[in-house]
Structures are given as C-alpha cells and as structure tokens.
Amino acid sequence: MKMLVTRMALATSVALATLIAAEVASAQPLSYRTGPEAYDTQANPSYGFGPRVTVQPNDVVSGNRVIGRDPDPFVRDQLLRGYNSGDRPD
C-alpha cells in the first residue's frame, strides 16, 4: 500500500512539472502581446506621422495611421469616411 501511494505521488509530481514546463515554453515576450501599432496623426497633423502608439478599441485607423478616437461606432465610421474622401479640415 505504501508503494502505491509513493507511485501516485511521483506520477502527480511528474504531471505537474510537465504542465508547468509546457506553460513556460509557450509564453511569449510582452512586446508581442501588446497589439498592433500605428502612427498617431493627431500628434503631428501637418505631416500625418507622429509617434507610434498601440491601437486601442475606440481608435479610428486608416492604413497605418490613427486619425481619431471616439466610443461611438457611428462617429468612428463618419471620421473614417471623411478622412478617406479627402474632406479634411485645414
């Protein structure tokens, strides 16, 4: 009986070690988990290129440029249509 308990404890510890090793092996560096990046055109509107920022859910993105942000999806759509049509305020 004592031998069975020892084998069960050994098998459990091996399974746990394997699980931990698999989790560590599949972990990615933090830089790959941040999401896509784009240029913040609001920081430098004359040239359309500003610092690189991580795209957030409420951002309006055209190509690789963040052109605005708003929580309302209809406003985001209107911003994108206005930007892509060339109807930009100077």
C-alpha atoms as a PDB file:
ATOM      1  CA  MET A   1       0.000   0.000   0.000  1.00  0.00           C
ATOM      2  CA  LYS A   2       2.859   2.321   0.859  1.00  0.00           C
ATOM      3  CA  MET A   3       4.420   1.648  -2.570  1.00  0.00           C
ATOM      4  CA  LEU A   4       1.149   2.590  -4.338  1.00  0.00           C
ATOM      5  CA  VAL A   5       0.947   5.938  -2.514  1.00  0.00           C
ATOM      6  CA  THR A   6       4.581   6.685  -3.396  1.00  0.00           C
ATOM      7  CA  ARG A   7       3.975   5.908  -7.073  1.00  0.00           C
ATOM      8  CA  MET A   8       0.844   8.074  -7.135  1.00  0.00           C
ATOM      9  CA  ALA A   9       2.727  10.991  -5.571  1.00  0.00           C
ATOM     10  CA  LEU A  10       5.556  10.573  -8.080  1.00  0.00           C
ATOM     11  CA  ALA A  11       3.170  10.416 -11.034  1.00  0.00           C
ATOM     12  CA  THR A  12       1.330  13.511  -9.811  1.00  0.00           C
ATOM     13  CA  SER A  13       4.533  15.488  -9.381  1.00  0.00           C
ATOM     14  CA  VAL A  14       5.775  14.472 -12.863  1.00  0.00           C
ATOM     15  CA  ALA A  15       2.454  15.508 -14.418  1.00  0.00           C
ATOM     16  CA  LEU A  16       2.534  18.843 -12.598  1.00  0.00           C
ATOM     17  CA  ALA A  17       6.133  19.520 -13.650  1.00  0.00           C
ATOM     18  CA  THR A  18       5.271  18.714 -17.270  1.00  0.00           C
ATOM     19  CA  LEU A  19       2.309  21.091 -17.167  1.00  0.00           C
ATOM     20  CA  ILE A  20       4.410  23.928 -15.745  1.00  0.00           C
ATOM     21  CA  ALA A  21       7.196  23.349 -18.283  1.00  0.00           C
ATOM     22  CA  ALA A  22       4.693  23.417 -21.175  1.00  0.00           C
ATOM     23  CA  GLU A  23       3.188  26.685 -19.935  1.00  0.00           C
ATOM     24  CA  VAL A  24       6.591  28.344 -19.630  1.00  0.00           C
ATOM     25  CA  ALA A  25       7.635  27.134 -23.095  1.00  0.00           C
ATOM     26  CA  SER A  26       4.539  28.590 -24.772  1.00  0.00           C
ATOM     27  CA  ALA A  27       4.807  32.018 -23.111  1.00  0.00           C
ATOM     28  CA  GLN A  28       5.576  34.914 -25.456  1.00  0.00           C
ATOM     29  CA  PRO A  29       7.534  38.041 -24.632  1.00  0.00           C
ATOM     30  CA  LEU A  30       5.442  41.025 -23.551  1.00  0.00           C
ATOM     31  CA  SER A  31       6.286  43.021 -26.681  1.00  0.00           C
ATOM     32  CA  TYR A  32       4.397  40.546 -28.880  1.00  0.00           C
ATOM     33  CA  ARG A  33       1.255  40.656 -26.763  1.00  0.00           C
ATOM     34  CA  THR A  34       0.641  44.417 -26.868  1.00  0.00           C
ATOM     35  CA  GLY A  35      -1.182  44.530 -30.197  1.00  0.00           C
ATOM     36  CA  PRO A  36      -0.761  46.350 -33.491  1.00  0.00           C
ATOM     37  CA  GLU A  37       0.879  49.761 -33.681  1.00  0.00           C
ATOM     38  CA  ALA A  38       0.103  52.759 -35.881  1.00  0.00           C
ATOM     39  CA  TYR A  39       1.249  56.366 -36.288  1.00  0.00           C
ATOM     40  CA  ASP A  40      -0.635  58.913 -34.180  1.00  0.00           C
ATOM     41  CA  THR A  41      -1.545  61.562 -36.777  1.00  0.00           C
ATOM     42  CA  GLN A  42      -3.155  63.776 -34.139  1.00  0.00           C
ATOM     43  CA  ALA A  43       0.277  64.453 -32.636  1.00  0.00           C
ATOM     44  CA  ASN A  44       1.588  65.905 -35.916  1.00  0.00           C
ATOM     45  CA  PRO A  45      -1.357  66.727 -38.229  1.00  0.00           C
ATOM     46  CA  SER A  46       0.743  68.661 -40.783  1.00  0.00           C
ATOM     47  CA  TYR A  47       2.679  65.575 -41.862  1.00  0.00           C
ATOM     48  CA  GLY A  48       0.341  62.773 -40.784  1.00  0.00           C
ATOM     49  CA  PHE A  49       3.077  60.907 -38.928  1.00  0.00           C
ATOM     50  CA  GLY A  50       3.503  61.100 -35.193  1.00  0.00           C
ATOM     51  CA  PRO A  51       4.820  58.706 -32.587  1.00  0.00           C
ATOM     52  CA  ARG A  52       3.943  55.023 -32.853  1.00  0.00           C
ATOM     53  CA  VAL A  53       1.124  54.068 -30.496  1.00  0.00           C
ATOM     54  CA  THR A  54      -0.724  50.847 -29.739  1.00  0.00           C
ATOM     55  CA  VAL A  55      -4.120  50.735 -31.424  1.00  0.00           C
ATOM     56  CA  GLN A  56      -6.984  50.826 -28.901  1.00  0.00           C
ATOM     57  CA  PRO A  57     -10.560  49.559 -29.462  1.00  0.00           C
ATOM     58  CA  ASN A  58     -12.040  53.070 -29.881  1.00  0.00           C
ATOM     59  CA  ASP A  59      -9.381  54.289 -32.351  1.00  0.00           C
ATOM     60  CA  VAL A  60     -10.160  55.169 -35.965  1.00  0.00           C
ATOM     61  CA  VAL A  61      -7.405  53.669 -38.127  1.00  0.00           C
ATOM     62  CA  SER A  62      -6.773  54.311 -41.820  1.00  0.00           C
ATOM     63  CA  GLY A  63      -3.899  52.220 -43.115  1.00  0.00           C
ATOM     64  CA  ASN A  64      -1.155  52.563 -40.509  1.00  0.00           C
ATOM     65  CA  ARG A  65      -2.401  55.872 -39.056  1.00  0.00           C
ATOM     66  CA  VAL A  66      -4.628  56.580 -36.071  1.00  0.00           C
ATOM     67  CA  ILE A  67      -6.760  59.513 -37.250  1.00  0.00           C
ATOM     68  CA  GLY A  68      -9.088  59.856 -34.273  1.00  0.00           C
ATOM     69  CA  ARG A  69     -10.907  58.091 -31.473  1.00  0.00           C
ATOM     70  CA  ASP A  70     -14.469  58.005 -30.232  1.00  0.00           C
ATOM     71  CA  PRO A  71     -16.528  55.434 -28.277  1.00  0.00           C
ATOM     72  CA  ASP A  72     -19.497  55.697 -30.698  1.00  0.00           C
ATOM     73  CA  PRO A  73     -19.119  53.353 -33.708  1.00  0.00           C
ATOM     74  CA  PHE A  74     -21.218  55.649 -35.943  1.00  0.00           C
ATOM     75  CA  VAL A  75     -18.935  58.612 -35.214  1.00  0.00           C
ATOM     76  CA  ARG A  76     -15.862  56.437 -35.879  1.00  0.00           C
ATOM     77  CA  ASP A  77     -17.350  55.418 -39.228  1.00  0.00           C
ATOM     78  CA  GLN A  78     -18.061  59.060 -40.134  1.00  0.00           C
ATOM     79  CA  LEU A  79     -14.491  60.064 -39.202  1.00  0.00           C
ATOM     80  CA  LEU A  80     -13.090  57.299 -41.395  1.00  0.00           C
ATOM     81  CA  ARG A  81     -15.309  58.192 -44.370  1.00  0.00           C
ATOM     82  CA  GLY A  82     -14.395  61.872 -44.081  1.00  0.00           C
ATOM     83  CA  TYR A  83     -10.680  61.108 -43.859  1.00  0.00           C
ATOM     84  CA  ASN A  84     -10.663  58.694 -46.783  1.00  0.00           C
ATOM     85  CA  SER A  85     -12.704  61.029 -49.013  1.00  0.00           C
ATOM     86  CA  GLY A  86     -10.195  63.847 -48.602  1.00  0.00           C
ATOM     87  CA  ASP A  87     -12.690  66.057 -46.740  1.00  0.00           C
ATOM     88  CA  ARG A  88     -10.277  67.162 -44.031  1.00  0.00           C
ATOM     89  CA  PRO A  89     -10.442  70.435 -42.140  1.00  0.00           C
ATOM     90  CA  ASP A  90      -7.331  72.569 -42.549  1.00  0.00           C
END
